[in-house]
Amino acid sequence: MLRRYIQAALRHAQRDILLDNKSYYGEIPDFQGVYANAKTLEAGGMDSLPDL
């Protein structure tokens, strides 16, 4: 049940490339404080977001 809740939340995840410093930014908009910012997708844990 928890797994399905998390997977449903991750379907709303968004990620972008920040042009000013060429890093990656990802967030789940409905969850305040859930975000990642890193130089690579892998370092930020965002590389698997589209797969979920």
C-alpha atoms as a PDB file:
ATOM      1  CA  MET A   1       0.000   0.000   0.000  1.00  0.00           C
ATOM      2  CA  LEU A   2       2.780   2.433   0.890  1.00  0.00           C
ATOM      3  CA  ARG A   3       4.645   1.500  -2.278  1.00  0.00           C
ATOM      4  CA  ARG A   4       1.591   2.386  -4.417  1.00  0.00           C
ATOM      5  CA  TYR A   5       1.246   5.728  -2.612  1.00  0.00           C
ATOM      6  CA  ILE A   6       4.903   6.593  -3.258  1.00  0.00           C
ATOM      7  CA  GLN A   7       4.699   5.496  -6.900  1.00  0.00           C
ATOM      8  CA  ALA A   8       1.585   7.650  -7.397  1.00  0.00           C
ATOM      9  CA  ALA A   9       3.381  10.648  -5.861  1.00  0.00           C
ATOM     10  CA  LEU A  10       6.446  10.096  -8.061  1.00  0.00           C
ATOM     11  CA  ARG A  11       4.275  10.267 -11.184  1.00  0.00           C
ATOM     12  CA  HIS A  12       3.888  13.970 -10.361  1.00  0.00           C
ATOM     13  CA  ALA A  13       7.635  14.499 -10.042  1.00  0.00           C
ATOM     14  CA  GLN A  14       9.168  17.151 -12.248  1.00  0.00           C
ATOM     15  CA  ARG A  15      12.755  17.754 -13.216  1.00  0.00           C
ATOM     16  CA  ASP A  16      14.532  20.524 -15.074  1.00  0.00           C
ATOM     17  CA  ILE A  17      17.997  21.580 -16.114  1.00  0.00           C
ATOM     18  CA  LEU A  18      18.980  24.866 -14.491  1.00  0.00           C
ATOM     19  CA  LEU A  19      20.658  26.876 -17.204  1.00  0.00           C
ATOM     20  CA  ASP A  20      22.568  29.228 -14.912  1.00  0.00           C
ATOM     21  CA  ASN A  21      24.762  26.492 -13.428  1.00  0.00           C
ATOM     22  CA  LYS A  22      23.858  23.503 -15.656  1.00  0.00           C
ATOM     23  CA  SER A  23      22.659  21.405 -12.740  1.00  0.00           C
ATOM     24  CA  TYR A  24      19.538  19.275 -12.471  1.00  0.00           C
ATOM     25  CA  TYR A  25      16.627  20.145 -10.215  1.00  0.00           C
ATOM     26  CA  GLY A  26      13.782  17.791  -9.372  1.00  0.00           C
ATOM     27  CA  GLU A  27      10.773  18.062  -7.094  1.00  0.00           C
ATOM     28  CA  ILE A  28       7.433  16.569  -6.202  1.00  0.00           C
ATOM     29  CA  PRO A  29       5.184  19.658  -6.107  1.00  0.00           C
ATOM     30  CA  ASP A  30       2.570  18.291  -3.673  1.00  0.00           C
ATOM     31  CA  PHE A  31       5.201  17.425  -1.075  1.00  0.00           C
ATOM     32  CA  GLN A  32       6.738  20.497   0.536  1.00  0.00           C
ATOM     33  CA  GLY A  33      10.486  20.114   0.957  1.00  0.00           C
ATOM     34  CA  VAL A  34      10.878  17.110  -1.368  1.00  0.00           C
ATOM     35  CA  TYR A  35      13.428  18.186  -3.948  1.00  0.00           C
ATOM     36  CA  ALA A  36      16.887  17.413  -5.262  1.00  0.00           C
ATOM     37  CA  ASN A  37      19.554  19.502  -6.951  1.00  0.00           C
ATOM     38  CA  ALA A  38      22.751  18.004  -8.353  1.00  0.00           C
ATOM     39  CA  LYS A  39      25.293  18.239 -11.170  1.00  0.00           C
ATOM     40  CA  THR A  40      24.070  14.933 -12.673  1.00  0.00           C
ATOM     41  CA  LEU A  41      20.749  13.079 -12.677  1.00  0.00           C
ATOM     42  CA  GLU A  42      22.383  10.101 -11.000  1.00  0.00           C
ATOM     43  CA  ALA A  43      23.892  12.163  -8.185  1.00  0.00           C
ATOM     44  CA  GLY A  44      20.510  13.693  -7.398  1.00  0.00           C
ATOM     45  CA  GLY A  45      18.681  10.380  -7.491  1.00  0.00           C
ATOM     46  CA  MET A  46      16.551  11.671 -10.375  1.00  0.00           C
ATOM     47  CA  ASP A  47      17.733   9.231 -13.018  1.00  0.00           C
ATOM     48  CA  SER A  48      14.978   6.727 -12.210  1.00  0.00           C
ATOM     49  CA  LEU A  49      12.024   9.119 -11.957  1.00  0.00           C
ATOM     50  CA  PRO A  50      10.614   8.470 -15.448  1.00  0.00           C
ATOM     51  CA  ASP A  51      10.817   4.700 -14.898  1.00  0.00           C
ATOM     52  CA  LEU A  52       8.470   4.634 -11.917  1.00  0.00           C
END
